C-alpha atoms as a PDB file:
ATOM      1  CA  MET A   1     -12.516  28.580 -21.916  1.00  0.00           C
ATOM      2  CA  TYR A   2     -13.297  28.558 -18.221  1.00  0.00           C
ATOM      3  CA  LYS A   3     -11.777  30.573 -15.412  1.00  0.00           C
ATOM      4  CA  SER A   4     -12.238  28.042 -12.594  1.00  0.00           C
ATOM      5  CA  VAL A   5     -12.296  24.324 -13.388  1.00  0.00           C
ATOM      6  CA  LEU A   6     -12.743  21.538 -10.840  1.00  0.00           C
ATOM      7  CA  VAL A   7     -11.486  18.006 -11.511  1.00  0.00           C
ATOM      8  CA  PRO A   8     -12.475  15.352  -8.969  1.00  0.00           C
ATOM      9  CA  LEU A   9      -9.976  12.484  -8.897  1.00  0.00           C
ATOM     10  CA  ASP A  10     -10.441   9.213  -7.041  1.00  0.00           C
ATOM     11  CA  GLY A  11      -7.009   7.737  -7.650  1.00  0.00           C
ATOM     12  CA  SER A  12      -8.058   5.610 -10.612  1.00  0.00           C
ATOM     13  CA  ASP A  13      -6.671   5.629 -14.134  1.00  0.00           C
ATOM     14  CA  TYR A  14     -10.240   6.243 -15.272  1.00  0.00           C
ATOM     15  CA  ALA A  15     -10.565   9.495 -13.314  1.00  0.00           C
ATOM     16  CA  GLU A  16      -7.275  10.788 -14.686  1.00  0.00           C
ATOM     17  CA  LYS A  17      -8.724  10.726 -18.214  1.00  0.00           C
ATOM     18  CA  ALA A  18     -10.459  13.993 -17.253  1.00  0.00           C
ATOM     19  CA  LEU A  19      -7.175  15.862 -16.677  1.00  0.00           C
ATOM     20  CA  PRO A  20      -6.195  16.646 -20.294  1.00  0.00           C
ATOM     21  CA  HIS A  21      -9.703  17.870 -21.075  1.00  0.00           C
ATOM     22  CA  ALA A  22      -9.780  20.077 -17.997  1.00  0.00           C
ATOM     23  CA  ALA A  23      -6.334  21.515 -18.765  1.00  0.00           C
ATOM     24  CA  LYS A  24      -7.393  22.390 -22.315  1.00  0.00           C
ATOM     25  CA  LEU A  25     -10.529  24.128 -21.054  1.00  0.00           C
ATOM     26  CA  THR A  26      -8.919  26.206 -18.292  1.00  0.00           C
ATOM     27  CA  GLN A  27      -8.269  29.693 -19.565  1.00  0.00           C
ATOM     28  CA  GLU A  28      -4.970  31.477 -19.288  1.00  0.00           C
ATOM     29  CA  GLY A  29      -4.724  33.005 -15.826  1.00  0.00           C
ATOM     30  CA  GLY A  30      -7.491  30.722 -14.570  1.00  0.00           C
ATOM     31  CA  ARG A  31      -7.390  28.071 -11.870  1.00  0.00           C
ATOM     32  CA  LEU A  32      -7.580  24.287 -12.133  1.00  0.00           C
ATOM     33  CA  THR A  33      -8.555  22.635  -8.853  1.00  0.00           C
ATOM     34  CA  LEU A  34      -7.707  18.965  -8.355  1.00  0.00           C
ATOM     35  CA  LEU A  35      -9.901  17.337  -5.728  1.00  0.00           C
ATOM     36  CA  ARG A  36      -9.422  14.013  -3.966  1.00  0.00           C
ATOM     37  CA  VAL A  37     -12.067  12.849  -1.497  1.00  0.00           C
ATOM     38  CA  ALA A  38     -10.900  10.371   1.148  1.00  0.00           C
ATOM     39  CA  HIS A  39     -12.812   8.450   3.786  1.00  0.00           C
ATOM     40  CA  GLY A  40     -13.527  10.152   7.071  1.00  0.00           C
ATOM     41  CA  ILE A  41     -12.190   8.334  10.125  1.00  0.00           C
ATOM     42  CA  GLU A  42     -15.712   7.449  11.293  1.00  0.00           C
ATOM     43  CA  GLU A  43     -16.255   5.544   8.027  1.00  0.00           C
ATOM     44  CA  LEU A  44     -13.183   3.412   8.717  1.00  0.00           C
ATOM     45  CA  VAL A  45     -14.038   2.226  12.219  1.00  0.00           C
ATOM     46  CA  GLY A  46     -14.863  -1.459  11.880  1.00  0.00           C
ATOM     47  CA  ALA A  47     -13.559  -1.695   8.324  1.00  0.00           C
ATOM     48  CA  ARG A  48     -10.680  -3.901   9.480  1.00  0.00           C
ATOM     49  CA  GLN A  49     -10.987  -6.337  12.351  1.00  0.00           C
ATOM     50  CA  PRO A  50      -8.152  -6.484  14.857  1.00  0.00           C
ATOM     51  CA  ASP A  51      -6.508  -9.713  15.945  1.00  0.00           C
ATOM     52  CA  LEU A  52      -6.571  -9.136  19.705  1.00  0.00           C
ATOM     53  CA  SER A  53      -4.791 -12.423  20.323  1.00  0.00           C
ATOM     54  CA  ARG A  54      -1.696 -10.986  18.651  1.00  0.00           C
ATOM     55  CA  ASP A  55      -1.893  -7.425  19.962  1.00  0.00           C
ATOM     56  CA  PRO A  56      -4.535  -6.422  22.525  1.00  0.00           C
ATOM     57  CA  ALA A  57      -3.782  -2.732  21.980  1.00  0.00           C
ATOM     58  CA  MET A  58      -4.683  -2.972  18.295  1.00  0.00           C
ATOM     59  CA  THR A  59      -8.347  -1.996  18.564  1.00  0.00           C
ATOM     60  CA  GLU A  60     -10.756  -1.083  15.777  1.00  0.00           C
ATOM     61  CA  ASP A  61     -10.147   2.577  16.609  1.00  0.00           C
ATOM     62  CA  VAL A  62      -6.378   2.191  16.308  1.00  0.00           C
ATOM     63  CA  LEU A  63      -6.736   0.336  13.000  1.00  0.00           C
ATOM     64  CA  ALA A  64      -9.110   3.018  11.719  1.00  0.00           C
ATOM     65  CA  ARG A  65      -6.630   5.772  12.663  1.00  0.00           C
ATOM     66  CA  GLN A  66      -3.814   3.918  10.884  1.00  0.00           C
ATOM     67  CA  GLN A  67      -5.893   3.445   7.746  1.00  0.00           C
ATOM     68  CA  TYR A  68      -7.060   7.083   7.881  1.00  0.00           C
ATOM     69  CA  ASP A  69      -3.472   8.350   8.124  1.00  0.00           C
ATOM     70  CA  GLU A  70      -2.353   6.015   5.317  1.00  0.00           C
ATOM     71  CA  GLU A  71      -5.217   7.094   3.032  1.00  0.00           C
ATOM     72  CA  ARG A  72      -4.551  10.793   3.620  1.00  0.00           C
ATOM     73  CA  ALA A  73      -0.824  10.379   2.955  1.00  0.00           C
ATOM     74  CA  ALA A  74      -1.508   8.395  -0.235  1.00  0.00           C
ATOM     75  CA  ALA A  75      -4.117  10.936  -1.381  1.00  0.00           C
ATOM     76  CA  SER A  76      -1.722  13.833  -0.820  1.00  0.00           C
ATOM     77  CA  LYS A  77       1.003  12.035  -2.763  1.00  0.00           C
ATOM     78  CA  TYR A  78      -1.470  11.252  -5.545  1.00  0.00           C
ATOM     79  CA  LEU A  79      -2.621  14.880  -5.777  1.00  0.00           C
ATOM     80  CA  ALA A  80       0.989  16.068  -5.968  1.00  0.00           C
ATOM     81  CA  ALA A  81       1.646  13.671  -8.857  1.00  0.00           C
ATOM     82  CA  ALA A  82      -1.550  14.733 -10.633  1.00  0.00           C
ATOM     83  CA  GLY A  83      -0.533  18.356 -10.144  1.00  0.00           C
ATOM     84  CA  ARG A  84       2.761  17.691 -11.899  1.00  0.00           C
ATOM     85  CA  THR A  85       0.854  16.482 -14.977  1.00  0.00           C
ATOM     86  CA  VAL A  86      -0.838  19.870 -15.362  1.00  0.00           C
ATOM     87  CA  ALA A  87       2.045  22.045 -14.141  1.00  0.00           C
ATOM     88  CA  GLY A  88       3.417  24.414 -16.700  1.00  0.00           C
ATOM     89  CA  GLY A  89       0.033  25.275 -18.127  1.00  0.00           C
ATOM     90  CA  PRO A  90      -1.004  28.918 -18.498  1.00  0.00           C
ATOM     91  CA  PHE A  91      -3.110  28.655 -15.324  1.00  0.00           C
ATOM     92  CA  GLU A  92      -2.691  28.109 -11.620  1.00  0.00           C
ATOM     93  CA  HIS A  93      -3.475  24.739 -10.135  1.00  0.00           C
ATOM     94  CA  GLU A  94      -4.286  23.745  -6.598  1.00  0.00           C
ATOM     95  CA  ALA A  95      -4.906  20.474  -4.824  1.00  0.00           C
ATOM     96  CA  VAL A  96      -7.717  19.997  -2.335  1.00  0.00           C
ATOM     97  CA  LEU A  97      -8.075  16.973  -0.074  1.00  0.00           C
ATOM     98  CA  ALA A  98     -11.544  16.536   1.418  1.00  0.00           C
ATOM     99  CA  GLU A  99     -13.223  13.708   3.276  1.00  0.00           C
ATOM    100  CA  GLY A 100     -16.706  12.308   3.351  1.00  0.00           C
ATOM    101  CA  ASP A 101     -19.262  11.496   0.684  1.00  0.00           C
ATOM    102  CA  PRO A 102     -17.582  12.033  -2.706  1.00  0.00           C
ATOM    103  CA  ALA A 103     -20.535  13.607  -4.527  1.00  0.00           C
ATOM    104  CA  ALA A 104     -21.369  15.929  -1.639  1.00  0.00           C
ATOM    105  CA  GLN A 105     -17.739  17.019  -1.336  1.00  0.00           C
ATOM    106  CA  ILE A 106     -17.420  17.630  -5.070  1.00  0.00           C
ATOM    107  CA  LEU A 107     -20.493  19.854  -4.989  1.00  0.00           C
ATOM    108  CA  ARG A 108     -19.240  21.664  -1.864  1.00  0.00           C
ATOM    109  CA  VAL A 109     -15.789  22.336  -3.312  1.00  0.00           C
ATOM    110  CA  ALA A 110     -17.335  23.448  -6.620  1.00  0.00           C
ATOM    111  CA  GLU A 111     -19.293  26.091  -4.723  1.00  0.00           C
ATOM    112  CA  GLU A 112     -16.329  27.144  -2.566  1.00  0.00           C
ATOM    113  CA  THR A 113     -13.978  27.520  -5.539  1.00  0.00           C
ATOM    114  CA  LYS A 114     -16.699  29.147  -7.644  1.00  0.00           C
ATOM    115  CA  ALA A 115     -16.042  26.535 -10.315  1.00  0.00           C
ATOM    116  CA  ASP A 116     -17.607  27.461 -13.621  1.00  0.00           C
ATOM    117  CA  LEU A 117     -16.955  23.935 -14.955  1.00  0.00           C
ATOM    118  CA  ILE A 118     -16.633  20.486 -13.378  1.00  0.00           C
ATOM    119  CA  VAL A 119     -14.801  17.866 -15.454  1.00  0.00           C
ATOM    120  CA  LEU A 120     -15.074  14.238 -14.364  1.00  0.00           C
ATOM    121  CA  THR A 121     -15.267  10.804 -15.870  1.00  0.00           C
ATOM    122  CA  ALA A 122     -18.445   8.779 -16.094  1.00  0.00           C
ATOM    123  CA  PHE A 123     -16.904   6.131 -13.834  1.00  0.00           C
ATOM    124  CA  GLY A 124     -13.952   6.011 -11.513  1.00  0.00           C
ATOM    125  CA  LEU A 125     -12.459   3.652  -8.989  1.00  0.00           C
ATOM    126  CA  SER A 126     -15.444   1.312  -8.804  1.00  0.00           C
ATOM    127  CA  ALA A 127     -15.718   0.825 -12.551  1.00  0.00           C
ATOM    128  CA  SER A 128     -14.841  -2.472 -14.156  1.00  0.00           C
ATOM    129  CA  LYS A 129     -13.055  -2.884 -17.461  1.00  0.00           C
ATOM    130  CA  SER A 130     -16.252  -2.147 -19.370  1.00  0.00           C
ATOM    131  CA  PRO A 131     -19.252   0.138 -18.948  1.00  0.00           C
ATOM    132  CA  THR A 132     -22.094  -1.031 -16.763  1.00  0.00           C
ATOM    133  CA  LYS A 133     -25.187  -2.571 -18.284  1.00  0.00           C
ATOM    134  CA  THR A 134     -27.493  -0.734 -15.897  1.00  0.00           C
ATOM    135  CA  GLY A 135     -26.737   2.891 -16.586  1.00  0.00           C
ATOM    136  CA  VAL A 136     -24.747   5.511 -18.390  1.00  0.00           C
ATOM    137  CA  PHE A 137     -22.931   7.014 -15.403  1.00  0.00           C
ATOM    138  CA  GLY A 138     -21.586   5.855 -12.079  1.00  0.00           C
ATOM    139  CA  ARG A 139     -23.176   6.842  -8.777  1.00  0.00           C
ATOM    140  CA  VAL A 140     -20.894   9.826  -8.111  1.00  0.00           C
ATOM    141  CA  ALA A 141     -21.054  11.251 -11.629  1.00  0.00           C
ATOM    142  CA  ASP A 142     -24.825  10.907 -11.610  1.00  0.00           C
ATOM    143  CA  ALA A 143     -25.159  12.733  -8.276  1.00  0.00           C
ATOM    144  CA  VAL A 144     -22.850  15.524  -9.433  1.00  0.00           C
ATOM    145  CA  LEU A 145     -24.812  15.945 -12.656  1.00  0.00           C
ATOM    146  CA  LYS A 146     -28.040  16.221 -10.672  1.00  0.00           C
ATOM    147  CA  GLY A 147     -26.707  18.592  -8.008  1.00  0.00           C
ATOM    148  CA  ALA A 148     -24.194  20.861  -9.734  1.00  0.00           C
ATOM    149  CA  ARG A 149     -24.918  24.499 -10.409  1.00  0.00           C
ATOM    150  CA  ALA A 150     -22.005  24.735 -12.839  1.00  0.00           C
ATOM    151  CA  PRO A 151     -21.855  22.940 -16.167  1.00  0.00           C
ATOM    152  CA  VAL A 152     -20.473  19.392 -15.943  1.00  0.00           C
ATOM    153  CA  LEU A 153     -18.358  17.779 -18.630  1.00  0.00           C
ATOM    154  CA  VAL A 154     -18.476  13.998 -18.354  1.00  0.00           C
ATOM    155  CA  VAL A 155     -15.570  12.261 -20.071  1.00  0.00           C
ATOM    156  CA  LYS A 156     -15.765   8.673 -21.292  1.00  0.00           C
ATOM    157  CA  PRO A 157     -12.931   6.889 -19.477  1.00  0.00           C
ATOM    158  CA  TRP A 158     -12.496   3.879 -21.756  1.00  0.00           C
ATOM    159  CA  GLY A 159     -11.903   3.312 -25.424  1.00  0.00           C
ATOM    160  CA  ASP A 160     -10.463   5.836 -27.834  1.00  0.00           C
END
């Protein structure tokens, strides 16, 4: 059993497969941290092109701010729902919303929370219905495995 467990969630059904494992491995009186990493506003500038013929005030910056606010609101709502799935366990749980590069933020939050275990799935939001033919893990899981100081449990998100 682990005292401080970190579970990165990207909003996908795949990522949520890590939750039951993490809950089982968090010791009584421990802490389970649910992490969602969203885009930073600078990443969103230019992601959607405005139609200036319809609304000249709707610039790329305005669209980016709208998308940023929408993503943060959706991520907060998602974390609250994920928190309800682990509520009632013999441990505390907290939700953390970060922004930026997912792998870098997972590693940062793991250090800040003094996580002694990170539980994540091999693939998340970008995964298709079947495992890739080019590797065992997705980009984020691979980077976390390479950079983590704490043990990492990688959960298979598909199949039985």
